[in-house]
Amino acid sequence: MVEEVRELVNNNDLKDRVEVFFIDIMEDDLTLYPEEKKLIERGYQLPLTFLNGKLGFYGKIDTNRLLIALKSMK
């Protein structure tokens, strides 16, 4: 899924406007990500997808919906 999202961004006019990064909840220090940690503890299904610092999607990523959301952002 990680590579699928990177490919989606890189194969569109988004690559210069969008930063994609992933947090490995098994390896990374979640205290650095308090909002994400809170949502995980509340049982939100992974992956969590944030857009401009706000939760956009959770659970399986629908790349078509993600692409539409990214393109509509200013």
C-alpha atoms as a PDB file:
ATOM      1  CA  MET A   1       0.000   0.000   0.000  1.00  0.00           C
ATOM      2  CA  VAL A   2       2.861   2.396   0.761  1.00  0.00           C
ATOM      3  CA  GLU A   3       4.275   2.095  -2.720  1.00  0.00           C
ATOM      4  CA  GLU A   4       0.822   2.364  -4.290  1.00  0.00           C
ATOM      5  CA  VAL A   5       0.246   5.759  -2.648  1.00  0.00           C
ATOM      6  CA  ARG A   6       3.727   7.006  -3.578  1.00  0.00           C
ATOM      7  CA  GLU A   7       3.140   5.934  -7.167  1.00  0.00           C
ATOM      8  CA  LEU A   8      -0.246   7.676  -7.196  1.00  0.00           C
ATOM      9  CA  VAL A   9       1.330  10.955  -6.086  1.00  0.00           C
ATOM     10  CA  ASN A  10       4.384  10.700  -8.334  1.00  0.00           C
ATOM     11  CA  ASN A  11       2.367   9.854 -11.448  1.00  0.00           C
ATOM     12  CA  ASN A  12       0.171  12.946 -11.184  1.00  0.00           C
ATOM     13  CA  ASP A  13       0.694  16.668 -11.006  1.00  0.00           C
ATOM     14  CA  LEU A  14       0.789  16.247  -7.222  1.00  0.00           C
ATOM     15  CA  LYS A  15       4.430  15.317  -6.744  1.00  0.00           C
ATOM     16  CA  ASP A  16       5.547  18.922  -6.260  1.00  0.00           C
ATOM     17  CA  ARG A  17       2.655  19.775  -3.923  1.00  0.00           C
ATOM     18  CA  VAL A  18       2.275  16.691  -1.733  1.00  0.00           C
ATOM     19  CA  GLU A  19       4.585  15.224   0.875  1.00  0.00           C
ATOM     20  CA  VAL A  20       4.040  11.544   1.628  1.00  0.00           C
ATOM     21  CA  PHE A  21       5.457   9.891   4.716  1.00  0.00           C
ATOM     22  CA  PHE A  22       4.567   6.849   6.726  1.00  0.00           C
ATOM     23  CA  ILE A  23       4.798   6.059  10.408  1.00  0.00           C
ATOM     24  CA  ASP A  24       5.652   2.486  11.344  1.00  0.00           C
ATOM     25  CA  ILE A  25       3.660   1.969  14.541  1.00  0.00           C
ATOM     26  CA  MET A  26       5.832  -0.982  15.502  1.00  0.00           C
ATOM     27  CA  GLU A  27       9.147   0.839  15.035  1.00  0.00           C
ATOM     28  CA  ASP A  28       8.604   4.602  15.388  1.00  0.00           C
ATOM     29  CA  ASP A  29       8.218   6.478  18.674  1.00  0.00           C
ATOM     30  CA  LEU A  30       4.497   7.252  18.788  1.00  0.00           C
ATOM     31  CA  THR A  31       4.971   9.905  21.467  1.00  0.00           C
ATOM     32  CA  LEU A  32       6.147  12.063  18.561  1.00  0.00           C
ATOM     33  CA  TYR A  33       2.704  11.618  16.989  1.00  0.00           C
ATOM     34  CA  PRO A  34       0.179  12.287  19.789  1.00  0.00           C
ATOM     35  CA  GLU A  35      -2.897  12.693  17.558  1.00  0.00           C
ATOM     36  CA  GLU A  36      -2.145   9.515  15.657  1.00  0.00           C
ATOM     37  CA  LYS A  37      -1.448   7.632  18.891  1.00  0.00           C
ATOM     38  CA  LYS A  38      -4.795   8.755  20.323  1.00  0.00           C
ATOM     39  CA  LEU A  39      -6.692   7.498  17.269  1.00  0.00           C
ATOM     40  CA  ILE A  40      -4.867   4.161  17.328  1.00  0.00           C
ATOM     41  CA  GLU A  41      -5.697   3.750  21.022  1.00  0.00           C
ATOM     42  CA  ARG A  42      -9.367   4.507  20.252  1.00  0.00           C
ATOM     43  CA  GLY A  43      -9.381   1.613  17.801  1.00  0.00           C
ATOM     44  CA  TYR A  44      -9.390   3.395  14.464  1.00  0.00           C
ATOM     45  CA  GLN A  45      -8.551   0.917  11.738  1.00  0.00           C
ATOM     46  CA  LEU A  46      -5.122   1.290  10.146  1.00  0.00           C
ATOM     47  CA  PRO A  47      -3.822   2.827   8.022  1.00  0.00           C
ATOM     48  CA  LEU A  48      -4.634   6.356   9.159  1.00  0.00           C
ATOM     49  CA  THR A  49      -4.344   8.899   6.356  1.00  0.00           C
ATOM     50  CA  PHE A  50      -3.876  12.533   7.311  1.00  0.00           C
ATOM     51  CA  LEU A  51      -4.370  15.408   4.882  1.00  0.00           C
ATOM     52  CA  ASN A  52      -3.012  18.787   5.968  1.00  0.00           C
ATOM     53  CA  GLY A  53      -2.636  17.489   9.515  1.00  0.00           C
ATOM     54  CA  LYS A  54      -6.235  16.254   9.825  1.00  0.00           C
ATOM     55  CA  LEU A  55      -7.566  12.720   9.624  1.00  0.00           C
ATOM     56  CA  GLY A  56      -8.802  12.206   6.089  1.00  0.00           C
ATOM     57  CA  PHE A  57      -9.282   8.450   5.914  1.00  0.00           C
ATOM     58  CA  TYR A  58      -8.851   5.391   8.049  1.00  0.00           C
ATOM     59  CA  GLY A  59      -8.867   1.750   7.099  1.00  0.00           C
ATOM     60  CA  LYS A  60      -8.180   0.537   3.590  1.00  0.00           C
ATOM     61  CA  ILE A  61      -7.129   3.363   1.302  1.00  0.00           C
ATOM     62  CA  ASP A  62      -9.324   3.961  -1.730  1.00  0.00           C
ATOM     63  CA  THR A  63      -6.764   5.504  -4.068  1.00  0.00           C
ATOM     64  CA  ASN A  64      -9.444   7.112  -6.255  1.00  0.00           C
ATOM     65  CA  ARG A  65     -10.958   8.938  -3.260  1.00  0.00           C
ATOM     66  CA  LEU A  66      -7.490   9.877  -2.051  1.00  0.00           C
ATOM     67  CA  LEU A  67      -6.556  11.292  -5.453  1.00  0.00           C
ATOM     68  CA  ILE A  68      -9.755  13.365  -5.580  1.00  0.00           C
ATOM     69  CA  ALA A  69      -9.149  14.663  -2.043  1.00  0.00           C
ATOM     70  CA  LEU A  70      -5.533  15.571  -2.795  1.00  0.00           C
ATOM     71  CA  LYS A  71      -6.382  17.342  -6.042  1.00  0.00           C
ATOM     72  CA  SER A  72      -9.118  19.376  -4.347  1.00  0.00           C
ATOM     73  CA  MET A  73      -6.759  20.704  -1.676  1.00  0.00           C
ATOM     74  CA  LYS A  74      -5.278  24.158  -2.017  1.00  0.00           C
END
